[in-house]
PDB file of N, CA and C in Angstrom:
ATOM      1  N   MET A   1     -67.766  -0.808-114.645  1.00  0.00           N
ATOM      2  CA  MET A   1     -69.238  -0.500-114.191  1.00  0.00           C
ATOM      3  C   MET A   1     -69.481  -0.746-112.409  1.00  0.00           C
ATOM      4  N   ALA A   2     -69.166  -0.079-111.976  1.00  0.00           N
ATOM      5  CA  ALA A   2     -69.069  -0.408-110.285  1.00  0.00           C
ATOM      6  C   ALA A   2     -70.711  -1.056-110.210  1.00  0.00           C
ATOM      7  N   GLN A   3     -70.631  -2.157-108.580  1.00  0.00           N
ATOM      8  CA  GLN A   3     -71.568  -2.649-108.312  1.00  0.00           C
ATOM      9  C   GLN A   3     -72.797  -1.610-107.406  1.00  0.00           C
ATOM     10  N   LEU A   4     -73.615  -1.625-107.810  1.00  0.00           N
ATOM     11  CA  LEU A   4     -73.809  -0.648-106.273  1.00  0.00           C
ATOM     12  C   LEU A   4     -74.681  -1.569-105.241  1.00  0.00           C
ATOM     13  N   LYS A   5     -74.453  -1.094-104.001  1.00  0.00           N
ATOM     14  CA  LYS A   5     -74.990  -1.939-103.614  1.00  0.00           C
ATOM     15  C   LYS A   5     -76.493  -0.841-102.920  1.00  0.00           C
ATOM     16  N   SER A   6     -77.324  -1.484-101.493  1.00  0.00           N
ATOM     17  CA  SER A   6     -77.869  -0.646-101.465  1.00  0.00           C
ATOM     18  C   SER A   6     -77.623   0.247-100.210  1.00  0.00           C
ATOM     19  N   GLU A   7     -77.703   0.691-100.076  1.00  0.00           N
ATOM     20  CA  GLU A   7     -77.392   2.144 -98.539  1.00  0.00           C
ATOM     21  C   GLU A   7     -77.150   3.204-100.060  1.00  0.00           C
ATOM     22  N   GLN A   8     -75.778   3.133-101.072  1.00  0.00           N
ATOM     23  CA  GLN A   8     -75.662   3.347-102.074  1.00  0.00           C
ATOM     24  C   GLN A   8     -77.151   3.869-102.368  1.00  0.00           C
ATOM     25  N   ILE A   9     -78.255   3.563-103.271  1.00  0.00           N
ATOM     26  CA  ILE A   9     -78.760   4.261-103.514  1.00  0.00           C
ATOM     27  C   ILE A   9     -80.101   4.562-102.668  1.00  0.00           C
ATOM     28  N   ARG A  10     -79.701   4.063-101.282  1.00  0.00           N
ATOM     29  CA  ARG A  10     -80.498   4.613-100.570  1.00  0.00           C
ATOM     30  C   ARG A  10     -80.949   6.461-100.183  1.00  0.00           C
ATOM     31  N   LYS A  11     -78.516   6.901-100.412  1.00  0.00           N
ATOM     32  CA  LYS A  11     -78.448   7.846-100.175  1.00  0.00           C
ATOM     33  C   LYS A  11     -79.090   8.605-100.934  1.00  0.00           C
ATOM     34  N   MET A  12     -78.799   8.111-102.168  1.00  0.00           N
ATOM     35  CA  MET A  12     -78.853   9.101-103.589  1.00  0.00           C
ATOM     36  C   MET A  12     -80.487   9.905-103.487  1.00  0.00           C
ATOM     37  N   SER A  13     -80.833  10.688-104.507  1.00  0.00           N
ATOM     38  CA  SER A  13     -82.598  11.186-104.252  1.00  0.00           C
ATOM     39  C   SER A  13     -82.645  10.992-105.463  1.00  0.00           C
ATOM     40  N   LYS A  14     -84.495  11.157-105.262  1.00  0.00           N
ATOM     41  CA  LYS A  14     -85.700  10.094-106.569  1.00  0.00           C
ATOM     42  C   LYS A  14     -84.474  10.028-107.739  1.00  0.00           C
ATOM     43  N   GLU A  15     -83.899  11.780-108.209  1.00  0.00           N
ATOM     44  CA  GLU A  15     -84.190  12.187-109.657  1.00  0.00           C
ATOM     45  C   GLU A  15     -82.729  11.653-109.753  1.00  0.00           C
ATOM     46  N   GLU A  16     -81.644  10.922-108.672  1.00  0.00           N
ATOM     47  CA  GLU A  16     -80.044  10.361-108.862  1.00  0.00           C
ATOM     48  C   GLU A  16     -80.062   8.904-110.153  1.00  0.00           C
ATOM     49  N   ARG A  17     -81.610   8.347-108.389  1.00  0.00           N
ATOM     50  CA  ARG A  17     -82.197   6.898-109.162  1.00  0.00           C
ATOM     51  C   ARG A  17     -82.710   6.552-110.346  1.00  0.00           C
ATOM     52  N   ASN A  18     -83.589   7.555-110.842  1.00  0.00           N
ATOM     53  CA  ASN A  18     -84.134   7.561-112.068  1.00  0.00           C
ATOM     54  C   ASN A  18     -82.502   8.286-113.003  1.00  0.00           C
ATOM     55  N   GLU A  19     -82.168   8.213-112.783  1.00  0.00           N
ATOM     56  CA  GLU A  19     -81.201   8.871-114.093  1.00  0.00           C
ATOM     57  C   GLU A  19     -80.322   7.960-113.439  1.00  0.00           C
ATOM     58  N   GLN A  20     -79.780   7.019-113.192  1.00  0.00           N
ATOM     59  CA  GLN A  20     -79.148   5.452-113.330  1.00  0.00           C
ATOM     60  C   GLN A  20     -79.912   4.432-113.472  1.00  0.00           C
ATOM     61  N   LEU A  21     -80.759   4.877-113.248  1.00  0.00           N
ATOM     62  CA  LEU A  21     -82.025   3.142-113.692  1.00  0.00           C
ATOM     63  C   LEU A  21     -81.914   4.091-115.634  1.00  0.00           C
ATOM     64  N   LYS A  22     -81.416   5.017-115.717  1.00  0.00           N
ATOM     65  CA  LYS A  22     -81.900   5.281-117.692  1.00  0.00           C
ATOM     66  C   LYS A  22     -80.958   4.442-117.659  1.00  0.00           C
ATOM     67  N   GLN A  23     -79.181   4.742-117.325  1.00  0.00           N
ATOM     68  CA  GLN A  23     -78.186   4.384-117.875  1.00  0.00           C
ATOM     69  C   GLN A  23     -78.180   3.251-117.684  1.00  0.00           C
ATOM     70  N   LEU A  24     -77.909   2.209-116.792  1.00  0.00           N
ATOM     71  CA  LEU A  24     -78.132   1.027-117.066  1.00  0.00           C
ATOM     72  C   LEU A  24     -79.353   0.930-117.655  1.00  0.00           C
ATOM     73  N   HIS A  25     -80.667   0.748-117.377  1.00  0.00           N
ATOM     74  CA  HIS A  25     -81.784   0.379-119.165  1.00  0.00           C
ATOM     75  C   HIS A  25     -80.310   0.627-120.966  1.00  0.00           C
ATOM     76  N   GLU A  26     -79.984   1.388-120.786  1.00  0.00           N
ATOM     77  CA  GLU A  26     -79.511   1.787-122.169  1.00  0.00           C
ATOM     78  C   GLU A  26     -77.799   0.480-122.148  1.00  0.00           C
ATOM     79  N   THR A  27     -77.071   0.631-121.017  1.00  0.00           N
ATOM     80  CA  THR A  27     -76.470  -0.236-120.973  1.00  0.00           C
ATOM     81  C   THR A  27     -76.298  -1.876-120.944  1.00  0.00           C
ATOM     82  N   LEU A  28     -77.853  -2.241-120.603  1.00  0.00           N
ATOM     83  CA  LEU A  28     -78.707  -3.428-120.823  1.00  0.00           C
ATOM     84  C   LEU A  28     -79.523  -3.933-121.911  1.00  0.00           C
ATOM     85  N   LEU A  29     -79.510  -2.371-122.926  1.00  0.00           N
ATOM     86  CA  LEU A  29     -79.572  -2.526-123.912  1.00  0.00           C
ATOM     87  C   LEU A  29     -78.466  -2.449-125.010  1.00  0.00           C
ATOM     88  N   ARG A  30     -77.182  -1.745-124.555  1.00  0.00           N
ATOM     89  CA  ARG A  30     -76.674  -2.295-126.015  1.00  0.00           C
ATOM     90  C   ARG A  30     -75.600  -3.862-125.648  1.00  0.00           C
ATOM     91  N   GLN A  31     -75.828  -4.335-124.582  1.00  0.00           N
ATOM     92  CA  GLN A  31     -75.332  -5.428-124.130  1.00  0.00           C
ATOM     93  C   GLN A  31     -75.818  -6.934-125.080  1.00  0.00           C
ATOM     94  N   ARG A  32     -76.855  -6.448-124.531  1.00  0.00           N
ATOM     95  CA  ARG A  32     -77.983  -7.406-124.639  1.00  0.00           C
ATOM     96  C   ARG A  32     -78.021  -7.588-127.493  1.00  0.00           C
ATOM     97  N   ALA A  33     -77.847  -5.992-127.373  1.00  0.00           N
ATOM     98  CA  ALA A  33     -78.216  -6.255-128.850  1.00  0.00           C
ATOM     99  C   ALA A  33     -76.038  -6.655-129.737  1.00  0.00           C
ATOM    100  N   SER A  34     -75.626  -6.701-128.752  1.00  0.00           N
ATOM    101  CA  SER A  34     -74.574  -7.367-129.083  1.00  0.00           C
ATOM    102  C   SER A  34     -74.109  -9.017-129.434  1.00  0.00           C
ATOM    103  N   VAL A  35     -75.266  -9.308-128.233  1.00  0.00           N
ATOM    104  CA  VAL A  35     -75.113 -11.269-127.406  1.00  0.00           C
ATOM    105  C   VAL A  35     -75.828 -11.109-128.894  1.00  0.00           C
ATOM    106  N   ALA A  36     -77.400 -10.042-128.873  1.00  0.00           N
ATOM    107  CA  ALA A  36     -78.225 -10.865-130.659  1.00  0.00           C
ATOM    108  C   ALA A  36     -77.817 -10.896-132.122  1.00  0.00           C
ATOM    109  N   MET A  37     -76.412 -10.120-131.700  1.00  0.00           N
ATOM    110  CA  MET A  37     -76.273  -9.651-133.280  1.00  0.00           C
ATOM    111  C   MET A  37     -74.689 -11.110-133.364  1.00  0.00           C
ATOM    112  N   GLY A  38     -74.857 -12.117-132.590  1.00  0.00           N
ATOM    113  CA  GLY A  38     -73.580 -13.412-132.672  1.00  0.00           C
ATOM    114  C   GLY A  38     -72.635 -13.003-131.811  1.00  0.00           C
ATOM    115  N   GLY A  39     -71.532 -11.479-131.392  1.00  0.00           N
ATOM    116  CA  GLY A  39     -70.845 -11.749-131.261  1.00  0.00           C
ATOM    117  C   GLY A  39     -71.236 -11.446-129.279  1.00  0.00           C
ATOM    118  N   ALA A  40     -69.224 -12.524-128.964  1.00  0.00           N
ATOM    119  CA  ALA A  40     -69.118 -12.786-127.239  1.00  0.00           C
ATOM    120  C   ALA A  40     -69.364 -11.557-126.232  1.00  0.00           C
ATOM    121  N   PRO A  41     -69.250 -11.403-125.783  1.00  0.00           N
ATOM    122  CA  PRO A  41     -69.856 -10.011-124.290  1.00  0.00           C
ATOM    123  C   PRO A  41     -68.781 -10.073-123.463  1.00  0.00           C
ATOM    124  N   SER A  42     -67.838  -8.719-124.140  1.00  0.00           N
ATOM    125  CA  SER A  42     -66.679  -8.140-123.793  1.00  0.00           C
ATOM    126  C   SER A  42     -66.657  -8.779-121.809  1.00  0.00           C
ATOM    127  N   ASN A  43     -67.793  -9.145-121.000  1.00  0.00           N
ATOM    128  CA  ASN A  43     -67.516 -10.183-119.968  1.00  0.00           C
ATOM    129  C   ASN A  43     -69.222 -10.340-119.372  1.00  0.00           C
ATOM    130  N   PRO A  44     -68.697 -11.733-120.109  1.00  0.00           N
ATOM    131  CA  PRO A  44     -70.298 -12.473-119.539  1.00  0.00           C
ATOM    132  C   PRO A  44     -70.982 -12.025-118.182  1.00  0.00           C
ATOM    133  N   GLY A  45     -70.537 -12.210-117.804  1.00  0.00           N
ATOM    134  CA  GLY A  45     -70.997 -11.074-115.700  1.00  0.00           C
ATOM    135  C   GLY A  45     -72.251  -9.909-115.835  1.00  0.00           C
ATOM    136  N   LEU A  46     -71.976  -9.677-117.271  1.00  0.00           N
ATOM    137  CA  LEU A  46     -72.038  -7.746-116.682  1.00  0.00           C
ATOM    138  C   LEU A  46     -73.750  -7.640-116.958  1.00  0.00           C
ATOM    139  N   ILE A  47     -74.205  -8.448-117.866  1.00  0.00           N
ATOM    140  CA  ILE A  47     -76.224  -8.512-118.309  1.00  0.00           C
ATOM    141  C   ILE A  47     -76.373  -9.270-116.866  1.00  0.00           C
ATOM    142  N   LYS A  48     -76.099 -10.119-116.189  1.00  0.00           N
ATOM    143  CA  LYS A  48     -76.825 -10.154-114.499  1.00  0.00           C
ATOM    144  C   LYS A  48     -76.969  -9.024-113.864  1.00  0.00           C
ATOM    145  N   SER A  49     -74.986  -8.820-113.911  1.00  0.00           N
ATOM    146  CA  SER A  49     -75.414  -7.629-112.584  1.00  0.00           C
ATOM    147  C   SER A  49     -76.350  -6.044-113.161  1.00  0.00           C
ATOM    148  N   VAL A  50     -75.821  -6.014-114.471  1.00  0.00           N
ATOM    149  CA  VAL A  50     -76.873  -4.735-114.577  1.00  0.00           C
ATOM    150  C   VAL A  50     -78.669  -4.649-113.997  1.00  0.00           C
ATOM    151  N   ARG A  51     -79.138  -5.937-114.581  1.00  0.00           N
ATOM    152  CA  ARG A  51     -80.049  -6.472-114.595  1.00  0.00           C
ATOM    153  C   ARG A  51     -80.685  -6.466-112.708  1.00  0.00           C
ATOM    154  N   GLN A  52     -79.433  -7.120-112.047  1.00  0.00           N
ATOM    155  CA  GLN A  52     -80.085  -7.128-110.059  1.00  0.00           C
ATOM    156  C   GLN A  52     -79.622  -5.590-109.785  1.00  0.00           C
ATOM    157  N   GLN A  53     -79.054  -4.463-110.422  1.00  0.00           N
ATOM    158  CA  GLN A  53     -78.969  -2.686-110.375  1.00  0.00           C
ATOM    159  C   GLN A  53     -79.904  -2.666-110.180  1.00  0.00           C
ATOM    160  N   ILE A  54     -80.428  -3.344-111.551  1.00  0.00           N
ATOM    161  CA  ILE A  54     -82.181  -2.117-111.379  1.00  0.00           C
ATOM    162  C   ILE A  54     -83.234  -2.213-111.075  1.00  0.00           C
ATOM    163  N   ALA A  55     -83.944  -3.937-110.977  1.00  0.00           N
ATOM    164  CA  ALA A  55     -83.825  -4.235-109.884  1.00  0.00           C
ATOM    165  C   ALA A  55     -84.065  -3.908-108.698  1.00  0.00           C
ATOM    166  N   ARG A  56     -82.644  -4.039-107.337  1.00  0.00           N
ATOM    167  CA  ARG A  56     -82.122  -2.690-106.387  1.00  0.00           C
ATOM    168  C   ARG A  56     -82.869  -1.714-106.465  1.00  0.00           C
ATOM    169  N   ILE A  57     -82.609  -0.829-107.500  1.00  0.00           N
ATOM    170  CA  ILE A  57     -83.178   1.152-107.317  1.00  0.00           C
ATOM    171  C   ILE A  57     -84.295   0.363-107.261  1.00  0.00           C
ATOM    172  N   LEU A  58     -85.338  -0.373-108.265  1.00  0.00           N
ATOM    173  CA  LEU A  58     -86.591  -0.398-108.875  1.00  0.00           C
ATOM    174  C   LEU A  58     -86.607  -1.564-107.509  1.00  0.00           C
ATOM    175  N   THR A  59     -86.599  -1.727-107.017  1.00  0.00           N
ATOM    176  CA  THR A  59     -86.937  -2.002-105.039  1.00  0.00           C
ATOM    177  C   THR A  59     -87.306  -1.132-104.488  1.00  0.00           C
ATOM    178  N   ILE A  60     -86.002   0.114-104.028  1.00  0.00           N
ATOM    179  CA  ILE A  60     -85.971   0.817-103.179  1.00  0.00           C
ATOM    180  C   ILE A  60     -87.109   2.500-103.491  1.00  0.00           C
ATOM    181  N   ASN A  61     -87.314   2.301-105.161  1.00  0.00           N
ATOM    182  CA  ASN A  61     -88.061   3.065-105.394  1.00  0.00           C
ATOM    183  C   ASN A  61     -89.572   3.061-105.055  1.00  0.00           C
ATOM    184  N   ARG A  62     -89.834   1.521-105.194  1.00  0.00           N
ATOM    185  CA  ARG A  62     -90.749   1.880-105.002  1.00  0.00           C
ATOM    186  C   ARG A  62     -91.361   1.029-102.872  1.00  0.00           C
ATOM    187  N   MET A  63     -90.358   1.100-101.900  1.00  0.00           N
ATOM    188  CA  MET A  63     -90.314   1.126-101.326  1.00  0.00           C
ATOM    189  C   MET A  63     -90.676   2.450 -99.953  1.00  0.00           C
ATOM    190  N   GLU A  64     -89.783   3.730-101.237  1.00  0.00           N
ATOM    191  CA  GLU A  64     -89.903   4.604-100.460  1.00  0.00           C
ATOM    192  C   GLU A  64     -91.355   5.162-101.010  1.00  0.00           C
ATOM    193  N   ASP A  65     -91.569   4.888-101.940  1.00  0.00           N
ATOM    194  CA  ASP A  65     -93.656   5.485-102.705  1.00  0.00           C
ATOM    195  C   ASP A  65     -93.937   4.645-101.084  1.00  0.00           C
ATOM    196  N   ILE A  66     -94.117   3.581-100.818  1.00  0.00           N
ATOM    197  CA  ILE A  66     -94.618   2.930-100.477  1.00  0.00           C
ATOM    198  C   ILE A  66     -95.055   3.090 -98.560  1.00  0.00           C
ATOM    199  N   LYS A  67     -93.845   3.852 -98.137  1.00  0.00           N
ATOM    200  CA  LYS A  67     -93.417   4.701 -97.262  1.00  0.00           C
ATOM    201  C   LYS A  67     -94.433   5.703 -96.365  1.00  0.00           C
ATOM    202  N   LYS A  68     -94.368   5.975 -98.093  1.00  0.00           N
ATOM    203  CA  LYS A  68     -94.893   7.978 -98.090  1.00  0.00           C
ATOM    204  C   LYS A  68     -97.258   7.734 -97.727  1.00  0.00           C
TER     205      LYS A  68
END
C-alpha cells in the first residue's frame, strides 16, 4: 500500500477520500485481527502507517468542512 501524501489527498474529491478511508479501515481491521489471533504481521509497520493515513484524511476532511 502506497503512502498517501497530504497533497495527493487534497486533490481527491470528498467521495474519493471517503472511499479511501473505508479501504484503510478495512485494512487496519484485517491487520489487527491477524495480530490478535497470534500471528506475526507480514509488515510490522503497516498498522502505524495505516493509522497515520486515516488521520491525514480525517484532518483534511475536517479542515475543508471548517473552510466552508
